[in-house]
C-alpha atoms as a PDB file:
ATOM      1  CA  MET A   1     252.072 178.207 197.157  1.00  0.00           C
ATOM      2  CA  ALA A   2     248.455 175.771 195.960  1.00  0.00           C
ATOM      3  CA  GLN A   3     248.889 173.925 193.236  1.00  0.00           C
ATOM      4  CA  ASP A   4     246.077 174.978 190.073  1.00  0.00           C
ATOM      5  CA  SER A   5     243.492 172.298 191.131  1.00  0.00           C
ATOM      6  CA  ALA A   6     241.271 173.522 187.153  1.00  0.00           C
ATOM      7  CA  THR A   7     240.734 170.672 184.682  1.00  0.00           C
ATOM      8  CA  PRO A   8     241.637 171.438 181.152  1.00  0.00           C
ATOM      9  CA  THR A   9     238.905 171.461 178.728  1.00  0.00           C
ATOM     10  CA  ALA A  10     238.707 171.119 175.504  1.00  0.00           C
ATOM     11  CA  VAL A  11     238.369 174.464 173.272  1.00  0.00           C
ATOM     12  CA  PRO A  12     235.805 173.314 170.349  1.00  0.00           C
ATOM     13  CA  GLU A  13     237.793 175.000 166.828  1.00  0.00           C
ATOM     14  CA  CYS A  14     233.900 176.192 165.838  1.00  0.00           C
ATOM     15  CA  GLU A  15     232.604 180.258 166.785  1.00  0.00           C
ATOM     16  CA  VAL A  16     229.332 179.793 166.773  1.00  0.00           C
ATOM     17  CA  MET A  17     227.695 184.261 166.118  1.00  0.00           C
ATOM     18  CA  ALA A  18     224.255 185.489 166.544  1.00  0.00           C
ATOM     19  CA  SER A  19     223.271 187.906 164.830  1.00  0.00           C
ATOM     20  CA  VAL A  20     220.034 190.174 163.843  1.00  0.00           C
ATOM     21  CA  ASP A  21     219.451 190.401 160.308  1.00  0.00           C
ATOM     22  CA  SER A  22     216.851 193.350 159.140  1.00  0.00           C
ATOM     23  CA  ASP A  23     215.355 193.234 154.379  1.00  0.00           C
ATOM     24  CA  THR A  24     212.011 193.651 154.247  1.00  0.00           C
ATOM     25  CA  ASP A  25     210.351 190.536 155.335  1.00  0.00           C
ATOM     26  CA  GLY A  26     211.558 191.872 158.666  1.00  0.00           C
ATOM     27  CA  GLU A  27     213.987 190.680 161.773  1.00  0.00           C
ATOM     28  CA  ARG A  28     215.772 187.828 161.447  1.00  0.00           C
ATOM     29  CA  LEU A  29     216.985 186.627 164.828  1.00  0.00           C
ATOM     30  CA  ILE A  30     220.977 184.333 162.996  1.00  0.00           C
ATOM     31  CA  ILE A  31     222.593 181.433 165.224  1.00  0.00           C
ATOM     32  CA  ALA A  32     225.777 180.491 162.801  1.00  0.00           C
ATOM     33  CA  GLU A  33     228.511 177.550 162.659  1.00  0.00           C
ATOM     34  CA  LEU A  34     231.028 179.710 161.063  1.00  0.00           C
ATOM     35  CA  CYS A  35     232.517 176.860 160.483  1.00  0.00           C
ATOM     36  CA  ARG A  36     230.403 174.582 158.597  1.00  0.00           C
ATOM     37  CA  GLU A  37     228.026 176.498 156.152  1.00  0.00           C
ATOM     38  CA  GLU A  38     225.363 174.285 156.608  1.00  0.00           C
ATOM     39  CA  ALA A  39     225.634 174.713 160.691  1.00  0.00           C
ATOM     40  CA  TYR A  40     222.460 177.330 161.048  1.00  0.00           C
ATOM     41  CA  LEU A  41     219.359 178.013 162.504  1.00  0.00           C
ATOM     42  CA  ALA A  42     217.180 181.367 161.357  1.00  0.00           C
ATOM     43  CA  VAL A  43     214.112 182.667 163.106  1.00  0.00           C
ATOM     44  CA  PRO A  44     211.755 185.725 162.490  1.00  0.00           C
ATOM     45  CA  VAL A  45     212.761 187.576 165.816  1.00  0.00           C
ATOM     46  CA  GLU A  46     208.917 188.341 166.338  1.00  0.00           C
ATOM     47  CA  ALA A  47     208.393 183.591 166.883  1.00  0.00           C
ATOM     48  CA  ALA A  48     212.283 183.794 168.545  1.00  0.00           C
ATOM     49  CA  VAL A  49     211.590 182.686 172.187  1.00  0.00           C
ATOM     50  CA  ASP A  50     213.701 183.736 175.714  1.00  0.00           C
ATOM     51  CA  VAL A  51     216.809 182.040 176.867  1.00  0.00           C
ATOM     52  CA  HIS A  52     215.178 180.612 179.425  1.00  0.00           C
ATOM     53  CA  ASP A  53     212.638 179.314 178.116  1.00  0.00           C
ATOM     54  CA  TRP A  54     214.595 177.026 176.580  1.00  0.00           C
ATOM     55  CA  ARG A  55     216.493 175.675 179.199  1.00  0.00           C
END
C-alpha cells in the first residue's frame, strides 16, 4: 500500500468573509476577518478591481 505523501499544513484559526452590502450610498464590497473586529476592507463595488488585477 502506498504511503500518503501529503504535507500537513496549518489551518488558520480565523475565517475570512466577503459580501456585497447594499445601502443608500450604493453597493459596497466588504471583506472581513471574522475573528478581529478591526480587520476589514470596504470599497464601492464600482471601485473594486478584478481578481486577476490583484495578482
